[in-house]
Amino acid sequence: MEEKAIGFVQLLCTLVGGMFALYLFWQSNREKRQTFVVTLYDKLYNDPEIRSLLYALDKEQDLAEINPRKKLEQAADKTLRFLDFVGGLIKNGSLRRHDISSFEYELQLLKHQALQQYQRHLVDHQVQLNNLGYVTGEKQPSRWVQLLAWL
């Protein structure tokens, strides 16, 4: 009888320890995602080139400058590359689309016709921007990635 009680206590301690380890893992991942969201915020609002592109798209001013060898070309390149990187993080589960939902307005500016036209120009020149759809919500990561990202 005493051996059964000891076995039960060991099993209970193992389960509690496993649950605690899982909680710590989940908490750590959540903190890492929050840290990256702060970095994203800093990049979107404090980088002068990205800010100038988002402002031009928002106000629909200087849109002709989002073309090769024009004033906003470098800003468009930088913005698209950065957000493509963010999309890659969403695709592989390191970040969730929900984590960046506070930037929804800025992310929807990616769908602006002037920027879409510039993206087509980049694709014509074999520039790979395969992950932007994960940022705008047009693409979804696989179910397994979504499940693992929840952890």
Protein backbone atom coordinates (compact mmCIF):
# COMPACT_ATOMS: atom_id res chain seq x y z
CA MET A 1 0.00 0.00 0.00
CA GLU A 2 2.78 2.38 0.92
CA GLU A 3 4.54 1.73 -2.42
CA LYS A 4 1.36 2.66 -4.32
CA ALA A 5 1.14 5.93 -2.40
CA ILE A 6 4.78 6.74 -3.15
CA GLY A 7 4.22 5.91 -6.84
CA PHE A 8 1.16 8.15 -6.91
CA VAL A 9 3.03 11.04 -5.27
CA GLN A 10 5.88 10.63 -7.78
CA LEU A 11 3.43 10.68 -10.69
CA LEU A 12 1.68 13.72 -9.27
CA CYS A 13 5.00 15.57 -8.77
CA THR A 14 6.04 14.68 -12.34
CA LEU A 15 2.76 16.00 -13.74
CA VAL A 16 2.94 19.21 -11.73
CA GLY A 17 6.58 19.72 -12.74
CA GLY A 18 5.74 19.10 -16.41
CA MET A 19 2.84 21.53 -16.28
CA PHE A 20 5.03 24.16 -14.65
CA ALA A 21 7.75 23.66 -17.30
CA LEU A 22 5.14 24.02 -20.04
CA TYR A 23 3.83 27.21 -18.44
CA LEU A 24 7.36 28.67 -18.25
CA PHE A 25 7.96 27.75 -21.89
CA TRP A 26 4.70 29.43 -22.93
CA GLN A 27 5.50 32.52 -20.85
CA SER A 28 8.99 32.80 -22.35
CA ASN A 29 7.64 32.58 -25.91
CA ARG A 30 5.02 35.20 -25.13
CA GLU A 31 7.66 37.58 -23.79
CA LYS A 32 9.85 37.04 -26.87
CA ARG A 33 6.92 37.85 -29.16
CA GLN A 34 6.13 40.98 -27.14
CA THR A 35 9.75 42.08 -27.38
CA PHE A 36 9.66 41.71 -31.14
CA VAL A 37 6.38 43.66 -31.34
CA VAL A 38 8.12 46.52 -29.52
CA THR A 39 10.97 46.29 -32.05
CA LEU A 40 8.43 46.33 -34.87
CA TYR A 41 6.76 49.39 -33.39
CA ASP A 42 10.12 51.12 -33.11
CA LYS A 43 11.00 50.28 -36.71
CA LEU A 44 7.66 51.37 -38.16
CA TYR A 45 7.46 54.67 -36.34
CA ASN A 46 11.06 55.71 -35.76
CA ASP A 47 12.83 54.68 -38.97
CA PRO A 48 12.71 57.83 -41.14
CA GLU A 49 12.55 55.96 -44.45
CA ILE A 50 9.79 53.58 -43.43
CA ARG A 51 7.87 56.40 -41.79
CA SER A 52 8.15 58.54 -44.94
CA LEU A 53 6.79 55.73 -47.12
CA LEU A 54 3.87 55.00 -44.77
CA TYR A 55 3.08 58.72 -44.59
CA ALA A 56 3.13 59.05 -48.39
CA LEU A 57 0.80 56.07 -48.75
CA ASP A 58 -1.49 57.30 -45.98
CA LYS A 59 -1.77 60.83 -47.36
CA GLU A 60 -1.55 59.67 -50.99
CA GLN A 61 1.21 62.18 -51.64
CA ASP A 62 4.39 61.66 -53.67
CA LEU A 63 3.14 58.29 -54.88
CA ALA A 64 5.04 58.70 -58.15
CA GLU A 65 8.19 58.63 -56.05
CA ILE A 66 7.61 54.92 -55.29
CA ASN A 67 9.35 53.89 -58.47
CA PRO A 68 12.85 52.84 -59.49
CA ARG A 69 15.40 55.64 -59.12
CA LYS A 70 12.91 57.89 -57.37
CA LYS A 71 12.90 59.44 -53.91
CA LEU A 72 10.89 56.74 -52.10
CA GLU A 73 12.39 53.69 -53.83
CA GLN A 74 14.84 52.95 -51.02
CA ALA A 75 12.12 53.46 -48.40
CA ALA A 76 9.82 51.07 -50.27
CA ASP A 77 12.59 48.47 -50.56
CA LYS A 78 13.42 48.72 -46.87
CA THR A 79 9.79 48.57 -45.77
CA LEU A 80 8.90 45.64 -47.99
CA ARG A 81 12.00 43.67 -46.98
CA PHE A 82 11.36 44.27 -43.29
CA LEU A 83 7.70 43.30 -43.49
CA ASP A 84 8.59 40.27 -45.62
CA PHE A 85 10.89 39.23 -42.76
CA VAL A 86 8.02 39.70 -40.30
CA GLY A 87 5.85 37.57 -42.60
CA GLY A 88 8.50 34.86 -42.49
CA LEU A 89 8.31 34.89 -38.70
CA ILE A 90 4.55 34.47 -38.89
CA LYS A 91 4.92 31.68 -41.44
CA ASN A 92 7.31 29.68 -39.26
CA GLY A 93 5.32 30.31 -36.06
CA SER A 94 7.78 32.57 -34.24
CA LEU A 95 5.18 35.32 -34.34
CA ARG A 96 1.40 35.23 -34.65
CA ARG A 97 -0.69 37.48 -36.89
CA HIS A 98 -2.59 38.46 -33.74
CA ASP A 99 0.66 39.78 -32.22
CA ILE A 100 0.89 42.49 -34.89
CA SER A 101 -2.81 43.31 -35.10
CA SER A 102 -2.23 46.68 -33.41
CA PHE A 103 -0.48 47.75 -36.63
CA GLU A 104 -3.41 46.77 -38.82
CA TYR A 105 -3.80 50.16 -40.47
CA GLU A 106 -0.13 50.40 -41.38
CA LEU A 107 -0.10 46.82 -42.64
CA GLN A 108 -3.11 47.43 -44.84
CA LEU A 109 -1.15 50.19 -46.57
CA LEU A 110 0.80 47.35 -48.19
CA LYS A 111 -2.27 46.81 -50.35
CA HIS A 112 -2.07 50.35 -51.77
CA GLN A 113 -2.04 50.34 -55.55
CA ALA A 114 1.21 52.33 -55.82
CA LEU A 115 3.05 49.90 -53.58
CA GLN A 116 1.49 46.89 -55.34
CA GLN A 117 2.76 48.23 -58.64
CA TYR A 118 6.26 48.60 -57.20
CA GLN A 119 6.07 45.06 -55.81
CA ARG A 120 5.24 43.76 -59.30
CA HIS A 121 8.30 45.62 -60.58
CA LEU A 122 10.43 43.88 -57.95
CA VAL A 123 8.98 40.47 -58.83
CA ASP A 124 9.77 41.12 -62.49
CA HIS A 125 13.38 41.61 -61.37
CA GLN A 126 13.38 38.30 -59.40
CA VAL A 127 13.19 39.93 -55.98
CA GLN A 128 11.56 37.38 -53.69
CA LEU A 129 8.94 38.80 -51.33
CA ASN A 130 7.12 35.56 -50.58
CA ASN A 131 5.97 36.27 -47.04
CA LEU A 132 4.13 39.60 -47.30
CA GLY A 133 0.81 37.77 -47.53
CA TYR A 134 1.29 36.48 -43.99
CA VAL A 135 1.57 40.06 -42.75
CA THR A 136 -1.54 41.29 -44.55
CA GLY A 137 -3.54 38.20 -43.61
CA GLU A 138 -3.91 36.97 -47.22
CA LYS A 139 -1.94 33.82 -46.35
CA GLN A 140 -2.19 31.68 -43.25
CA PRO A 141 0.50 29.48 -41.72
CA SER A 142 -0.19 25.75 -41.65
CA ARG A 143 -2.41 24.41 -38.86
CA TRP A 144 0.56 22.75 -37.16
CA VAL A 145 2.51 26.02 -37.15
CA GLN A 146 -0.52 27.82 -35.74
CA LEU A 147 -0.88 25.22 -33.02
CA LEU A 148 2.80 25.42 -32.10
CA ALA A 149 2.71 29.23 -32.17
CA TRP A 150 -0.08 29.12 -29.63
CA LEU A 151 2.36 27.50 -27.22
